[in-house]
Amino acid sequence: MKYNFLGKSDLKVSNYCLGTMTYGEQTGEMDAHLQMDKAYDSGINFFDTAEMYSTCPRLAETAGKTEQIIGTWIKKNPTLRNKLILATKIIGNGDTFIRDGGPINRKSLKIALETSLKRLQTDYIDLYQLHWPNRGSYHFRKNWNYNPSDSNKDEVENDILEIVETLHDFKSEGKIRAFGLSNETCWGVTKYVNAVKKFNNFPVASIQNEYSLLCRLYDTDMNEMSYYENIPLLAYSPLAGGLLTGKYLNEEMPTDSRITRVSTIGDRVNINAMKAVQEYIKISKKFDIHPVHLALAFCTKRPFMGSVIFGATTDEQLDVVIKGLDVDLSDEVMEEISLVYKNYALTF
């Protein structure tokens, strides 16, 4: 297992991160605890969650359950807490399930953090993240119609300053160690970079955006930002909601899979995406690399990567991932991936 510092922070994380959004819905508490045990034993010291989880689908009655399940695991394993990098997120503006869909501000941050600390049964969060910006986001397949002109620049900058000041207070109180962004734009990140300059040793530690063989929006301007500002990516959905496993090819719908719960898997399923998946499966077979390992190892090869967040609904799925944690792709494999990408650059 490789470990990386998250940018300029003092958080040293495994290059794979256990995503937990199914805990409390598809994955019960006992199985979730088993997954956390296995992941930690395999060298993964980084767990990611959010106050809105579980999801798939998102339901008001399951919001917060994932944090509760992680909290009971932490209570059972108190000696591991200071060895674990625990990340969670405050939900963004617009989701009525939590705090009536209000924005991220000083008041909501305080409520959200205290609630997460209580559910997680811990005194501090290692990485506290903003799930998405108040002004909205081009992520979640909204890039086709993205229009930032609805936002007021002065209001956005004032929001960011208030958020940064509140997060710095949290760090001064020992309630968080670092903060990160999620579903952000390049412009948005630069606004945070400017806002943190008024404080000593309070950098933007990371940004959590979607990234996979099928979703490579990060490769251009965000890539450059990561390099020059030393803000690494935490890639979510590296398996594209399960598409890159190949299990949905030929219109297959495995029992209790994500596609049976969330139609089109958040608009990821389309003709070009499935054609691209077929090509990546061919590469997998040609080089005798499991499709899951191909997709995940590709992400770890990217120069801007801090950690790759994967999820496993079942214990068997987790075992597959763990078997490939040390897979490294050759230059020949990467060249063939590039050829497919050039043909299907914008699958979704």
Protein backbone atom coordinates (compact mmCIF):
# COMPACT_ATOMS: atom_id res chain seq x y z
CA MET A 1 0.00 0.00 0.00
CA LYS A 2 1.23 3.47 -0.86
CA TYR A 3 0.56 6.49 1.34
CA ASN A 4 0.40 10.15 0.34
CA PHE A 5 0.18 13.42 2.21
CA LEU A 6 -2.92 15.32 1.20
CA GLY A 7 -1.35 18.40 -0.30
CA LYS A 8 0.13 20.74 2.28
CA SER A 9 -1.78 19.16 5.18
CA ASP A 10 -0.35 16.70 7.68
CA LEU A 11 -2.85 13.98 6.71
CA LYS A 12 -1.09 10.91 5.33
CA VAL A 13 -3.59 8.65 3.59
CA SER A 14 -3.53 5.32 1.78
CA ASN A 15 -3.84 5.67 -1.98
CA TYR A 16 -7.13 3.78 -1.71
CA CYS A 17 -9.99 5.02 0.45
CA LEU A 18 -13.01 3.04 1.67
CA GLY A 19 -16.23 4.70 0.53
CA THR A 20 -19.19 3.96 2.77
CA MET A 21 -22.32 5.45 1.22
CA THR A 22 -24.23 2.13 1.11
CA TYR A 23 -23.87 1.52 4.86
CA GLY A 24 -27.29 1.57 6.48
CA GLU A 25 -29.22 0.92 3.27
CA GLN A 26 -27.78 -1.77 1.01
CA THR A 27 -25.09 -2.79 3.52
CA GLY A 28 -26.15 -3.63 7.08
CA GLU A 29 -24.18 -2.76 10.20
CA MET A 30 -22.58 -6.17 10.72
CA ASP A 31 -21.38 -6.39 7.11
CA ALA A 32 -20.21 -2.76 7.22
CA HIS A 33 -18.13 -3.46 10.33
CA LEU A 34 -16.60 -6.50 8.62
CA GLN A 35 -15.71 -4.34 5.61
CA MET A 36 -14.04 -1.73 7.79
CA ASP A 37 -12.06 -4.45 9.57
CA LYS A 38 -10.89 -5.96 6.28
CA ALA A 39 -10.07 -2.63 4.72
CA TYR A 40 -8.01 -1.48 7.68
CA ASP A 41 -6.21 -4.83 7.90
CA SER A 42 -5.30 -4.52 4.20
CA GLY A 43 -3.53 -1.21 4.85
CA ILE A 44 -6.35 1.23 4.05
CA ASN A 45 -6.28 3.93 6.72
CA PHE A 46 -8.71 6.32 5.01
CA PHE A 47 -12.52 6.11 5.33
CA ASP A 48 -14.87 8.58 3.63
CA THR A 49 -18.49 9.32 4.51
CA ALA A 50 -21.00 12.20 4.57
CA GLU A 51 -23.85 13.40 6.73
CA MET A 52 -26.37 12.65 3.95
CA TYR A 53 -25.40 8.95 3.62
CA SER A 54 -26.63 6.30 3.18
CA THR A 55 -27.70 6.59 -0.41
CA CYS A 56 -28.64 4.48 -3.42
CA PRO A 57 -31.31 5.64 -3.30
CA ARG A 58 -31.23 8.76 -1.13
CA LEU A 59 -33.98 8.65 1.46
CA ALA A 60 -34.77 11.01 4.32
CA GLU A 61 -35.06 8.10 6.76
CA THR A 62 -31.55 6.78 6.03
CA ALA A 63 -29.70 10.13 6.12
CA GLY A 64 -27.05 9.92 8.85
CA LYS A 65 -27.15 6.14 9.18
CA THR A 66 -23.73 5.63 7.62
CA GLU A 67 -22.05 7.91 10.15
CA GLN A 68 -23.85 6.06 12.96
CA ILE A 69 -22.54 2.71 11.72
CA ILE A 70 -19.00 4.01 11.45
CA GLY A 71 -19.42 5.45 14.94
CA THR A 72 -20.29 2.06 16.44
CA TRP A 73 -17.23 0.58 14.70
CA ILE A 74 -15.01 3.32 16.16
CA LYS A 75 -16.49 2.65 19.60
CA LYS A 76 -15.54 -1.03 19.24
CA ASN A 77 -12.03 -0.12 18.05
CA PRO A 78 -10.95 2.89 20.14
CA THR A 79 -7.22 2.19 19.75
CA LEU A 80 -7.50 2.59 15.98
CA ARG A 81 -9.03 6.06 16.01
CA ASN A 82 -5.73 7.98 15.97
CA LYS A 83 -4.41 5.71 13.21
CA LEU A 84 -7.43 6.31 11.00
CA ILE A 85 -7.99 9.24 8.64
CA LEU A 86 -11.72 9.84 8.87
CA ALA A 87 -13.42 12.12 6.36
CA THR A 88 -17.00 13.35 6.27
CA LYS A 89 -18.93 16.13 4.53
CA ILE A 90 -21.53 18.78 5.19
CA ILE A 91 -24.27 18.67 2.60
CA GLY A 92 -24.58 21.50 0.10
CA ASN A 93 -27.42 23.85 -0.65
CA GLY A 94 -30.72 22.48 -1.95
CA ASP A 95 -31.23 19.03 -0.38
CA THR A 96 -34.41 19.26 1.69
CA PHE A 97 -33.63 16.06 3.60
CA ILE A 98 -31.27 17.89 5.92
CA ARG A 99 -31.81 21.31 7.54
CA ASP A 100 -34.57 22.06 5.01
CA GLY A 101 -32.06 22.39 2.19
CA GLY A 102 -30.33 25.48 3.55
CA PRO A 103 -26.90 26.69 2.43
CA ILE A 104 -23.51 26.06 3.99
CA ASN A 105 -22.84 28.93 6.38
CA ARG A 106 -21.52 29.53 9.88
CA LYS A 107 -24.70 28.30 11.57
CA SER A 108 -25.21 25.18 9.45
CA LEU A 109 -21.53 24.25 9.70
CA LYS A 110 -21.68 24.27 13.50
CA ILE A 111 -24.86 22.17 13.57
CA ALA A 112 -23.58 19.74 10.96
CA LEU A 113 -20.16 19.23 12.55
CA GLU A 114 -21.52 18.66 16.05
CA THR A 115 -24.10 16.20 14.70
CA SER A 116 -21.48 14.28 12.72
CA LEU A 117 -19.11 14.14 15.70
CA LYS A 118 -21.90 12.70 17.82
CA ARG A 119 -22.92 10.09 15.26
CA LEU A 120 -19.30 9.12 14.56
CA GLN A 121 -18.56 8.87 18.30
CA THR A 122 -15.34 10.84 17.95
CA ASP A 123 -13.97 14.16 19.18
CA TYR A 124 -12.56 15.27 15.83
CA ILE A 125 -12.80 14.82 12.07
CA ASP A 126 -9.53 14.44 10.19
CA LEU A 127 -10.85 15.81 6.89
CA TYR A 128 -14.03 17.89 6.87
CA GLN A 129 -15.38 18.48 3.36
CA LEU A 130 -17.97 20.71 1.70
CA HIS A 131 -20.11 18.27 -0.30
CA TRP A 132 -20.91 20.78 -3.05
CA PRO A 133 -20.91 24.57 -3.39
CA ASN A 134 -23.86 26.72 -2.36
CA ARG A 135 -24.00 28.10 -5.88
CA GLY A 136 -24.44 24.64 -7.41
CA SER A 137 -22.14 22.46 -9.46
CA TYR A 138 -21.59 21.10 -12.98
CA HIS A 139 -21.07 17.64 -11.52
CA PHE A 140 -23.66 14.84 -11.45
CA ARG A 141 -24.05 15.10 -15.26
CA LYS A 142 -25.03 18.78 -15.14
CA ASN A 143 -22.04 19.89 -17.21
CA TRP A 144 -24.06 19.87 -20.43
CA ASN A 145 -26.16 22.84 -19.31
CA TYR A 146 -23.88 24.42 -16.73
CA ASN A 147 -24.42 28.18 -16.44
CA PRO A 148 -22.70 30.10 -13.63
CA SER A 149 -24.30 33.42 -14.56
CA ASP A 150 -27.05 32.91 -11.96
CA SER A 151 -24.50 33.44 -9.17
CA ASN A 152 -23.47 36.78 -7.70
CA LYS A 153 -19.66 36.96 -7.52
CA ASP A 154 -19.56 39.16 -4.40
CA GLU A 155 -22.02 36.92 -2.57
CA VAL A 156 -20.03 33.83 -3.48
CA GLU A 157 -16.78 35.33 -2.25
CA ASN A 158 -18.41 36.49 1.01
CA ASP A 159 -19.87 32.99 1.51
CA ILE A 160 -16.44 31.43 1.01
CA LEU A 161 -14.78 33.80 3.46
CA GLU A 162 -17.39 33.03 6.14
CA ILE A 163 -17.02 29.29 5.55
CA VAL A 164 -13.22 29.41 5.75
CA GLU A 165 -13.28 31.47 8.93
CA THR A 166 -15.70 29.00 10.54
CA LEU A 167 -13.62 26.00 9.48
CA HIS A 168 -10.50 27.66 10.88
CA ASP A 169 -12.34 28.09 14.19
CA PHE A 170 -13.09 24.36 14.13
CA LYS A 171 -9.43 23.57 13.63
CA SER A 172 -8.41 25.93 16.44
CA GLU A 173 -10.88 24.12 18.70
CA GLY A 174 -9.40 20.73 17.72
CA LYS A 175 -12.61 19.55 16.08
CA ILE A 176 -11.13 19.14 12.60
CA ARG A 177 -7.57 18.66 11.38
CA ALA A 178 -8.02 19.85 7.80
CA PHE A 179 -10.72 20.71 5.29
CA GLY A 180 -11.38 19.80 1.69
CA LEU A 181 -13.73 20.65 -1.15
CA SER A 182 -15.99 18.45 -3.22
CA ASN A 183 -17.78 18.80 -6.56
CA GLU A 184 -16.00 22.11 -7.05
CA THR A 185 -14.86 24.03 -10.11
CA CYS A 186 -11.40 25.35 -10.84
CA TRP A 187 -12.56 28.92 -10.20
CA GLY A 188 -14.17 27.89 -6.92
CA VAL A 189 -10.99 26.23 -5.69
CA THR A 190 -8.94 29.34 -6.44
CA LYS A 191 -11.36 31.42 -4.37
CA TYR A 192 -10.74 29.11 -1.40
CA VAL A 193 -7.00 29.20 -2.02
CA ASN A 194 -7.12 32.99 -1.77
CA ALA A 195 -9.38 32.94 1.30
CA VAL A 196 -7.08 30.68 3.36
CA LYS A 197 -4.08 32.96 2.85
CA LYS A 198 -5.12 35.05 5.87
CA PHE A 199 -4.40 32.05 8.13
CA ASN A 200 -1.20 30.20 8.92
CA ASN A 201 -1.02 26.50 8.09
CA PHE A 202 -4.62 26.16 6.92
CA PRO A 203 -4.43 24.99 3.29
CA VAL A 204 -7.11 23.43 1.16
CA ALA A 205 -6.12 19.81 1.68
CA SER A 206 -7.97 18.09 -1.16
CA ILE A 207 -10.83 18.13 -3.60
CA GLN A 208 -13.24 15.23 -4.02
CA ASN A 209 -14.65 15.11 -7.55
CA GLU A 210 -15.85 12.31 -9.78
CA TYR A 211 -13.14 10.61 -11.82
CA SER A 212 -12.96 7.34 -13.74
CA LEU A 213 -12.17 5.86 -17.14
CA LEU A 214 -15.58 7.20 -18.20
CA CYS A 215 -15.48 10.59 -16.48
CA ARG A 216 -12.26 12.53 -17.00
CA LEU A 217 -13.34 16.16 -16.66
CA TYR A 218 -10.49 16.62 -14.16
CA ASP A 219 -7.78 16.02 -16.76
CA THR A 220 -7.50 19.61 -17.99
CA ASP A 221 -7.83 22.79 -15.90
CA MET A 222 -8.36 20.95 -12.61
CA ASN A 223 -5.24 18.90 -13.28
CA GLU A 224 -3.20 22.08 -13.68
CA MET A 225 -4.73 23.57 -10.53
CA SER A 226 -3.87 20.45 -8.54
CA TYR A 227 -0.26 20.62 -9.67
CA TYR A 228 0.41 24.28 -9.03
CA GLU A 229 -1.63 24.60 -5.82
CA ASN A 230 -0.73 21.14 -4.45
CA ILE A 231 -4.36 20.15 -3.94
CA PRO A 232 -4.76 16.45 -4.81
CA LEU A 233 -7.89 14.76 -6.07
CA LEU A 234 -9.91 12.27 -4.07
CA ALA A 235 -11.64 10.39 -6.88
CA TYR A 236 -15.17 9.21 -6.25
CA SER A 237 -17.08 6.75 -8.47
CA PRO A 238 -13.88 5.30 -10.00
CA LEU A 239 -15.99 2.34 -11.18
CA ALA A 240 -18.64 4.68 -12.64
CA GLY A 241 -21.36 3.32 -10.41
CA GLY A 242 -20.42 -0.25 -11.34
CA LEU A 243 -20.47 0.22 -15.12
CA LEU A 244 -16.75 -0.45 -15.45
CA THR A 245 -17.08 -3.89 -13.87
CA GLY A 246 -18.92 -4.95 -17.02
CA LYS A 247 -21.82 -6.38 -15.04
CA TYR A 248 -24.40 -4.24 -16.86
CA LEU A 249 -23.33 -5.15 -20.39
CA ASN A 250 -25.93 -6.78 -22.64
CA GLU A 251 -28.65 -5.12 -20.54
CA GLU A 252 -27.88 -7.34 -17.55
CA MET A 253 -29.46 -6.23 -14.26
CA PRO A 254 -27.95 -8.19 -11.35
CA THR A 255 -30.22 -8.64 -8.36
CA ASP A 256 -30.12 -5.73 -5.89
CA SER A 257 -27.49 -3.91 -7.94
CA ARG A 258 -27.42 -0.14 -8.17
CA ILE A 259 -29.17 -0.04 -11.54
CA THR A 260 -32.17 -1.83 -10.03
CA ARG A 261 -32.39 0.91 -7.39
CA VAL A 262 -31.35 4.02 -9.30
CA SER A 263 -32.38 3.92 -12.96
CA THR A 264 -29.52 4.84 -15.35
CA ILE A 265 -27.23 5.15 -12.29
CA GLY A 266 -27.45 8.91 -12.13
CA ASP A 267 -27.61 9.34 -15.94
CA ARG A 268 -24.35 7.45 -16.44
CA VAL A 269 -25.89 4.80 -18.68
CA ASN A 270 -25.97 5.73 -22.36
CA ILE A 271 -24.96 4.17 -25.67
CA ASN A 272 -21.46 5.66 -25.81
CA ALA A 273 -20.72 4.80 -22.19
CA MET A 274 -21.61 1.16 -22.73
CA LYS A 275 -19.52 1.03 -25.93
CA ALA A 276 -16.56 2.42 -24.00
CA VAL A 277 -17.10 -0.17 -21.26
CA GLN A 278 -16.98 -2.92 -23.87
CA GLU A 279 -13.61 -1.61 -25.09
CA TYR A 280 -12.18 -1.43 -21.57
CA ILE A 281 -13.36 -4.98 -20.90
CA LYS A 282 -11.47 -6.07 -24.03
CA ILE A 283 -8.30 -4.47 -22.62
CA SER A 284 -8.94 -6.23 -19.33
CA LYS A 285 -9.17 -9.60 -21.05
CA LYS A 286 -6.19 -8.96 -23.33
CA PHE A 287 -3.85 -8.22 -20.43
CA ASP A 288 -5.52 -10.60 -17.93
CA ILE A 289 -6.39 -7.81 -15.50
CA HIS A 290 -9.66 -7.87 -13.60
CA PRO A 291 -11.92 -5.03 -14.84
CA VAL A 292 -12.18 -3.64 -11.30
CA HIS A 293 -8.40 -3.60 -10.93
CA LEU A 294 -7.97 -1.99 -14.36
CA ALA A 295 -10.35 0.85 -13.50
CA LEU A 296 -8.97 1.50 -10.02
CA ALA A 297 -5.29 1.16 -10.93
CA PHE A 298 -5.78 3.59 -13.81
CA CYS A 299 -6.92 6.23 -11.33
CA THR A 300 -3.89 5.69 -9.09
CA LYS A 301 -1.59 6.36 -12.07
CA ARG A 302 -2.85 9.90 -12.50
CA PRO A 303 -0.34 12.51 -11.30
CA PHE A 304 -2.93 14.57 -9.43
CA MET A 305 -4.36 11.68 -7.40
CA GLY A 306 -4.40 11.78 -3.61
CA SER A 307 -6.57 8.71 -3.03
CA VAL A 308 -9.13 6.64 -4.93
CA ILE A 309 -12.44 6.20 -3.13
CA PHE A 310 -14.12 2.87 -3.87
CA GLY A 311 -17.29 1.40 -2.47
CA ALA A 312 -18.28 -2.23 -1.95
CA THR A 313 -21.86 -3.19 -1.28
CA THR A 314 -20.91 -6.74 -0.32
CA ASP A 315 -18.02 -8.49 1.37
CA GLU A 316 -17.30 -10.37 -1.86
CA GLN A 317 -16.94 -7.13 -3.79
CA LEU A 318 -14.52 -5.82 -1.19
CA ASP A 319 -12.42 -8.98 -1.49
CA VAL A 320 -12.09 -8.37 -5.24
CA VAL A 321 -10.85 -4.83 -4.65
CA ILE A 322 -8.37 -5.87 -1.95
CA LYS A 323 -6.82 -8.49 -4.24
CA GLY A 324 -5.89 -5.72 -6.68
CA LEU A 325 -4.54 -3.04 -4.37
CA ASP A 326 -0.99 -3.53 -5.66
CA VAL A 327 -1.87 -3.72 -9.37
CA ASP A 328 0.20 -1.35 -11.49
CA LEU A 329 -0.60 -0.78 -15.15
CA SER A 330 2.15 -0.99 -17.75
CA ASP A 331 2.82 1.71 -20.33
CA GLU A 332 1.32 -0.58 -22.97
CA VAL A 333 -1.95 -0.86 -21.05
CA MET A 334 -2.07 2.91 -20.49
CA GLU A 335 -1.53 3.50 -24.22
CA GLU A 336 -4.46 1.25 -25.10
CA ILE A 337 -6.62 3.06 -22.53
CA SER A 338 -5.68 6.35 -24.21
CA LEU A 339 -6.81 5.04 -27.59
CA VAL A 340 -10.23 4.13 -26.21
CA TYR A 341 -10.49 7.47 -24.42
CA LYS A 342 -9.86 9.39 -27.65
CA ASN A 343 -12.84 7.65 -29.22
CA TYR A 344 -15.15 8.07 -26.23
CA ALA A 345 -13.84 11.17 -24.48
CA LEU A 346 -17.27 12.43 -23.39
CA THR A 347 -19.26 9.36 -22.51
CA PHE A 348 -21.14 11.25 -19.77
